Amino acid sequence: MPLQSAPSLPAFIPGKTDALIVVDVQNDFLPDGALPVPKGHTIVPVINRLAHLPFGLIVTSQDWHPSDHVSFKTTHQNGLWPPHCVANTHGADFPQDLHLPERTLHLFKGAQSDQDSYSAFGAQTQSGQLLDAVLKQHGITRVFVCGLALEYCVQATALDAQKAGYTTVLLTDATQGLESDLTPTLMACQAKGILLYSGLQLHTPYLTR
């Protein structure tokens, strides 16, 4: 199945039943970080513009790992990654040029030493509420997913959103991945019924009308 390009879809304005999910846009995943996503910094201006649209809800997920997290290859035999996004460190913080509104809700994942979670649907608020519960509480029926990195946490979040019954849109120009060719991952998402869309196309009619 050929990949359908995002610009082939009509532009529209988000509303109160739409949520923007910003996945793991953290310092350690940017080019100078411990686990860098190439060109990860290029999505930040797009997300800044999207965050000022009238979404009913804006949420972020952050890896928030203890120093001995199970995913770290320095501390666990089966760990896959170098230490990254250790809780309360610079690497786990948002970059200074990411500007989100005060109403944004922040969720944290991978906060237990023996538990890992790629998907933002495994993330919790500080009070322990999972993302699905937060979305339902706010009457959300459609989610727009963006962030880092496409092949892992972004894709996992989009797939879980689709499985949970939300209309799921992956914002292609507000997402970056580790591979030089993102087409296979985008095609895999599309094959599962996830819509591909351009964040710039999404917001342009609103900002210029």
Protein backbone atom coordinates (compact mmCIF):
# COMPACT_ATOMS: atom_id res chain seq x y z
CA MET A 1 0.00 0.00 0.00
CA PRO A 2 1.57 3.32 -1.02
CA LEU A 3 2.10 5.93 1.64
CA GLN A 4 -0.55 8.63 1.40
CA SER A 5 1.03 12.05 1.70
CA ALA A 6 -0.24 14.29 4.48
CA PRO A 7 -0.92 17.31 2.21
CA SER A 8 -3.60 15.32 0.32
CA LEU A 9 -5.95 15.78 3.30
CA PRO A 10 -8.05 18.92 3.85
CA ALA A 11 -7.03 21.42 6.50
CA PHE A 12 -9.22 21.96 9.54
CA ILE A 13 -9.28 23.51 13.01
CA PRO A 14 -9.16 21.35 16.17
CA GLY A 15 -11.95 21.64 18.71
CA LYS A 16 -12.94 20.80 22.27
CA THR A 17 -13.05 17.02 21.70
CA ASP A 18 -9.53 17.00 20.21
CA ALA A 19 -6.33 16.46 22.20
CA LEU A 20 -2.73 17.20 21.28
CA ILE A 21 -0.35 14.59 22.73
CA VAL A 22 3.28 15.74 22.78
CA VAL A 23 5.47 12.66 23.31
CA ASP A 24 8.88 12.86 25.00
CA VAL A 25 10.22 16.16 23.64
CA GLN A 26 13.03 16.17 26.21
CA ASN A 27 16.62 17.38 26.22
CA ASP A 28 18.13 13.88 26.17
CA PHE A 29 16.34 13.12 22.89
CA LEU A 30 17.61 16.26 21.17
CA PRO A 31 20.88 16.36 19.17
CA ASP A 32 23.12 17.14 22.18
CA GLY A 33 21.39 14.69 24.50
CA ALA A 34 22.25 11.26 25.83
CA LEU A 35 20.01 9.46 23.32
CA PRO A 36 19.71 11.91 20.43
CA VAL A 37 17.11 11.79 17.68
CA PRO A 38 18.64 13.33 14.52
CA LYS A 39 17.02 16.68 13.75
CA GLY A 40 14.80 16.29 16.80
CA HIS A 41 15.06 20.01 17.50
CA THR A 42 13.37 20.86 14.18
CA ILE A 43 9.92 19.83 15.44
CA VAL A 44 9.91 22.23 18.40
CA PRO A 45 8.76 25.34 16.46
CA VAL A 46 5.96 23.34 14.84
CA ILE A 47 4.75 22.07 18.22
CA ASN A 48 4.89 25.60 19.63
CA ARG A 49 2.51 26.79 16.93
CA LEU A 50 0.21 23.78 17.30
CA ALA A 51 -0.02 24.29 21.07
CA HIS A 52 -1.74 27.64 20.57
CA LEU A 53 -4.63 26.14 18.62
CA PRO A 54 -7.98 25.55 20.36
CA PHE A 55 -7.45 21.90 21.33
CA GLY A 56 -9.74 20.73 24.10
CA LEU A 57 -6.72 19.28 25.87
CA ILE A 58 -2.93 19.37 25.53
CA VAL A 59 -0.88 16.72 27.30
CA THR A 60 2.79 15.81 27.37
CA SER A 61 4.55 12.59 28.25
CA GLN A 62 8.06 12.47 29.71
CA ASP A 63 10.37 9.57 30.39
CA TRP A 64 11.07 9.97 34.11
CA HIS A 65 13.51 7.23 34.97
CA PRO A 66 15.33 6.32 38.18
CA SER A 67 19.10 6.04 37.78
CA ASP A 68 18.95 2.22 37.81
CA HIS A 69 16.12 1.88 35.30
CA VAL A 70 15.63 -1.49 33.62
CA SER A 71 16.11 -0.01 30.15
CA PHE A 72 19.67 1.19 30.89
CA LYS A 73 22.35 -1.08 29.45
CA THR A 74 24.84 0.25 31.98
CA THR A 75 22.91 -1.25 34.89
CA HIS A 76 20.96 -4.17 33.39
CA GLN A 77 22.17 -7.02 31.18
CA ASN A 78 19.14 -6.76 28.92
CA GLY A 79 18.98 -2.98 28.88
CA LEU A 80 18.73 -1.47 25.41
CA TRP A 81 19.63 2.18 25.93
CA PRO A 82 22.25 4.39 27.53
CA PRO A 83 21.07 6.21 30.66
CA HIS A 84 18.64 8.92 29.64
CA CYS A 85 15.87 11.14 31.05
CA VAL A 86 16.76 10.45 34.67
CA ALA A 87 14.11 12.09 36.84
CA ASN A 88 14.80 15.66 37.95
CA THR A 89 17.82 16.12 35.67
CA HIS A 90 18.41 18.48 32.76
CA GLY A 91 18.12 15.57 30.33
CA ALA A 92 14.57 14.82 31.45
CA ASP A 93 13.45 18.45 31.16
CA PHE A 94 11.78 20.07 28.18
CA PRO A 95 14.04 22.21 25.98
CA GLN A 96 13.93 25.91 26.82
CA ASP A 97 12.49 26.78 23.42
CA LEU A 98 9.44 24.50 23.83
CA HIS A 99 6.58 26.83 24.76
CA LEU A 100 3.40 25.16 25.95
CA PRO A 101 0.38 26.86 27.53
CA GLU A 102 -0.08 26.77 31.30
CA ARG A 103 -3.14 24.55 30.92
CA THR A 104 -0.98 21.70 29.56
CA LEU A 105 -1.19 18.49 31.60
CA HIS A 106 2.07 16.63 32.18
CA LEU A 107 2.32 12.86 32.52
CA PHE A 108 5.33 10.73 33.41
CA LYS A 109 6.31 7.19 32.37
CA GLY A 110 9.00 4.67 33.25
CA ALA A 111 9.22 6.05 36.79
CA GLN A 112 9.67 2.64 38.42
CA SER A 113 13.03 0.88 38.23
CA ASP A 114 11.56 -2.38 36.91
CA GLN A 115 8.97 -0.94 34.53
CA ASP A 116 9.37 0.59 31.10
CA SER A 117 6.79 2.20 28.86
CA TYR A 118 7.22 3.48 25.33
CA SER A 119 3.60 4.52 24.98
CA ALA A 120 2.22 7.66 26.59
CA PHE A 121 -0.76 5.49 27.52
CA GLY A 122 1.50 4.03 30.21
CA ALA A 123 2.18 7.51 31.58
CA GLN A 124 0.54 8.93 34.71
CA THR A 125 -0.16 12.32 36.19
CA GLN A 126 1.45 13.15 39.52
CA SER A 127 -1.77 11.95 41.16
CA GLY A 128 -1.50 8.58 39.39
CA GLN A 129 -4.15 9.04 36.70
CA LEU A 130 -3.40 7.25 33.41
CA LEU A 131 -3.63 9.04 30.06
CA ASP A 132 -6.74 7.16 28.89
CA ALA A 133 -8.61 8.25 32.01
CA VAL A 134 -7.49 11.85 31.50
CA LEU A 135 -8.71 11.86 27.90
CA LYS A 136 -12.09 10.37 28.81
CA GLN A 137 -12.50 12.81 31.69
CA HIS A 138 -12.15 15.68 29.21
CA GLY A 139 -14.50 14.18 26.60
CA ILE A 140 -11.76 13.62 24.03
CA THR A 141 -12.64 11.53 20.98
CA ARG A 142 -9.76 12.37 18.62
CA VAL A 143 -6.05 12.66 19.38
CA PHE A 144 -3.20 14.27 17.46
CA VAL A 145 0.13 12.63 18.29
CA CYS A 146 3.57 14.17 17.79
CA GLY A 147 7.05 14.13 19.32
CA LEU A 148 10.08 11.84 19.66
CA ALA A 149 10.96 9.28 18.48
CA LEU A 150 8.66 8.07 15.72
CA GLU A 151 9.72 4.43 15.64
CA TYR A 152 9.36 3.95 19.38
CA CYS A 153 7.35 6.13 21.73
CA VAL A 154 5.37 8.08 19.13
CA GLN A 155 4.33 4.99 17.19
CA ALA A 156 3.49 3.09 20.38
CA THR A 157 1.34 5.97 21.59
CA ALA A 158 -0.52 6.26 18.29
CA LEU A 159 -1.17 2.50 18.16
CA ASP A 160 -2.47 2.46 21.73
CA ALA A 161 -4.73 5.43 21.01
CA GLN A 162 -6.16 3.63 17.99
CA LYS A 163 -6.70 0.45 20.02
CA ALA A 164 -8.44 2.46 22.74
CA GLY A 165 -10.99 3.70 20.21
CA TYR A 166 -9.79 7.26 19.58
CA THR A 167 -9.62 8.63 16.07
CA THR A 168 -5.85 8.93 15.83
CA VAL A 169 -3.87 11.41 13.76
CA LEU A 170 -0.08 11.31 13.51
CA LEU A 171 1.35 14.77 12.82
CA THR A 172 4.19 14.00 10.42
CA ASP A 173 5.99 17.34 10.49
CA ALA A 174 5.84 17.57 14.29
CA THR A 175 7.47 14.15 14.67
CA GLN A 176 11.02 12.96 14.08
CA GLY A 177 12.57 9.51 14.09
CA LEU A 178 15.90 7.76 14.42
CA GLU A 179 15.97 6.31 10.92
CA SER A 180 16.84 8.35 7.84
CA ASP A 181 13.79 6.95 6.02
CA LEU A 182 10.63 7.18 8.10
CA THR A 183 8.36 5.83 5.35
CA PRO A 184 8.22 2.20 6.59
CA THR A 185 7.10 3.27 10.06
CA LEU A 186 4.56 5.73 8.67
CA MET A 187 3.18 3.03 6.37
CA ALA A 188 2.88 0.63 9.30
CA CYS A 189 0.89 3.24 11.23
CA GLN A 190 -1.30 3.96 8.25
CA ALA A 191 -2.00 0.26 7.79
CA LYS A 192 -3.45 0.21 11.32
CA GLY A 193 -5.90 3.00 10.48
CA ILE A 194 -3.88 5.90 11.85
CA LEU A 195 -4.29 9.08 9.81
CA LEU A 196 -1.21 10.98 8.66
CA TYR A 197 -1.38 14.73 8.69
CA SER A 198 0.82 17.80 8.52
CA GLY A 199 0.79 19.95 11.62
CA LEU A 200 1.53 23.01 9.50
CA GLN A 201 -1.45 22.22 7.32
CA LEU A 202 -3.56 21.76 10.43
CA HIS A 203 -2.87 25.18 11.88
CA THR A 204 -2.46 27.43 8.83
CA PRO A 205 -6.17 28.15 8.22
CA TYR A 206 -6.66 29.10 11.86
CA LEU A 207 -3.70 31.46 12.07
CA THR A 208 -4.35 33.19 8.76
CA ARG A 209 -8.12 33.50 8.65
